């Protein structure tokens, strides 16, 4: 349903994992996400920062920034930015 991704208003920032990251999920984790829609929804919303557009090209995305995600429990994300072969690689840590 549409409320899976947008239970809040835009703008927003989405930290989307790469295909490689998804492919490297352990089989057990993938199975849990595939069989539990609530868990999948919470994981996906954990990658969304609502009401906050962040642009790395204008310097808006910097290391050690902390944001509240769109999860129901307000999981906190800490962002790290690395320059890697002329491209920025963003990693984020979830705090529960």
Protein backbone atom coordinates (compact mmCIF):
# COMPACT_ATOMS: atom_id res chain seq x y z
CA UNK A 1 0.00 0.00 0.00
CA UNK A 2 1.07 3.63 -0.41
CA UNK A 3 1.34 4.19 3.34
CA UNK A 4 4.32 1.81 3.44
CA UNK A 5 6.71 4.47 2.20
CA UNK A 6 4.99 7.80 2.73
CA UNK A 7 3.17 7.91 6.07
CA UNK A 8 4.62 11.43 6.33
CA UNK A 9 4.92 14.39 4.03
CA UNK A 10 7.84 15.08 1.74
CA UNK A 11 10.58 16.29 1.37
CA UNK A 12 12.65 13.41 2.64
CA UNK A 13 16.05 11.80 2.29
CA UNK A 14 16.36 8.14 1.39
CA UNK A 15 19.59 6.23 2.02
CA UNK A 16 19.21 3.38 -0.45
CA UNK A 17 21.49 0.37 -0.04
CA UNK A 18 23.37 -0.74 -3.13
CA UNK A 19 22.48 -3.95 -4.93
CA UNK A 20 25.77 -5.34 -3.64
CA UNK A 21 24.74 -4.64 -0.04
CA UNK A 22 21.39 -6.35 -0.54
CA UNK A 23 23.05 -9.31 -2.28
CA UNK A 24 25.37 -9.70 0.71
CA UNK A 25 22.56 -10.05 3.24
CA UNK A 26 22.81 -13.38 5.03
CA UNK A 27 20.20 -15.85 3.75
CA UNK A 28 18.54 -15.99 7.21
CA UNK A 29 18.12 -12.20 7.34
CA UNK A 30 16.72 -12.11 3.81
CA UNK A 31 14.28 -14.87 4.76
CA UNK A 32 13.13 -12.99 7.87
CA UNK A 33 12.57 -9.78 5.90
CA UNK A 34 10.77 -11.65 3.13
CA UNK A 35 8.40 -13.41 5.54
CA UNK A 36 7.69 -10.52 7.95
CA UNK A 37 6.10 -7.44 6.29
CA UNK A 38 6.22 -5.38 9.53
CA UNK A 39 9.93 -6.04 9.98
CA UNK A 40 10.59 -5.19 6.32
CA UNK A 41 8.60 -1.97 6.65
CA UNK A 42 10.56 -0.95 9.74
CA UNK A 43 13.91 -1.69 8.05
CA UNK A 44 12.90 0.31 4.96
CA UNK A 45 11.66 3.26 7.03
CA UNK A 46 14.95 3.12 8.93
CA UNK A 47 16.58 4.30 5.70
CA UNK A 48 14.31 7.38 5.42
CA UNK A 49 14.84 10.73 7.10
CA UNK A 50 11.48 12.55 6.88
CA UNK A 51 11.03 16.28 6.29
CA UNK A 52 14.77 16.78 5.67
CA UNK A 53 16.32 17.00 2.22
CA UNK A 54 20.06 16.38 2.40
CA UNK A 55 22.30 16.98 -0.60
CA UNK A 56 25.91 15.80 -0.51
CA UNK A 57 26.97 17.87 -3.52
CA UNK A 58 26.38 21.19 -1.75
CA UNK A 59 28.09 20.06 1.44
CA UNK A 60 24.85 19.28 3.28
CA UNK A 61 25.91 15.72 4.03
CA UNK A 62 28.83 15.46 6.44
CA UNK A 63 30.26 12.79 8.70
CA UNK A 64 28.97 12.31 12.23
CA UNK A 65 25.58 13.88 11.57
CA UNK A 66 22.72 12.32 13.50
CA UNK A 67 19.13 12.08 12.24
CA UNK A 68 15.88 10.57 13.46
CA UNK A 69 14.58 8.04 10.97
CA UNK A 70 10.98 7.44 9.93
CA UNK A 71 10.66 4.23 11.94
CA UNK A 72 7.82 4.04 14.44
CA UNK A 73 10.27 4.05 17.34
CA UNK A 74 12.35 6.92 15.90
CA UNK A 75 15.55 4.95 15.38
CA UNK A 76 18.52 7.31 15.19
CA UNK A 77 21.00 7.17 12.30
CA UNK A 78 24.57 8.42 12.39
CA UNK A 79 25.99 9.18 8.94
CA UNK A 80 29.60 8.87 7.77
CA UNK A 81 30.78 10.10 4.36
CA UNK A 82 33.85 8.76 2.58
CA UNK A 83 35.41 9.86 -0.71
CA UNK A 84 36.01 6.68 -2.69
CA UNK A 85 37.37 6.83 -6.24
CA UNK A 86 35.82 10.26 -6.94
CA UNK A 87 32.44 9.07 -5.62
CA UNK A 88 30.98 9.54 -2.18
CA UNK A 89 30.19 6.42 -0.22
CA UNK A 90 27.78 6.97 2.66
CA UNK A 91 27.59 4.57 5.53
CA UNK A 92 25.14 4.84 8.36
CA UNK A 93 24.85 3.26 11.76
CA UNK A 94 21.51 2.59 13.38
CA UNK A 95 21.09 3.36 17.04
CA UNK A 96 18.10 1.78 18.70
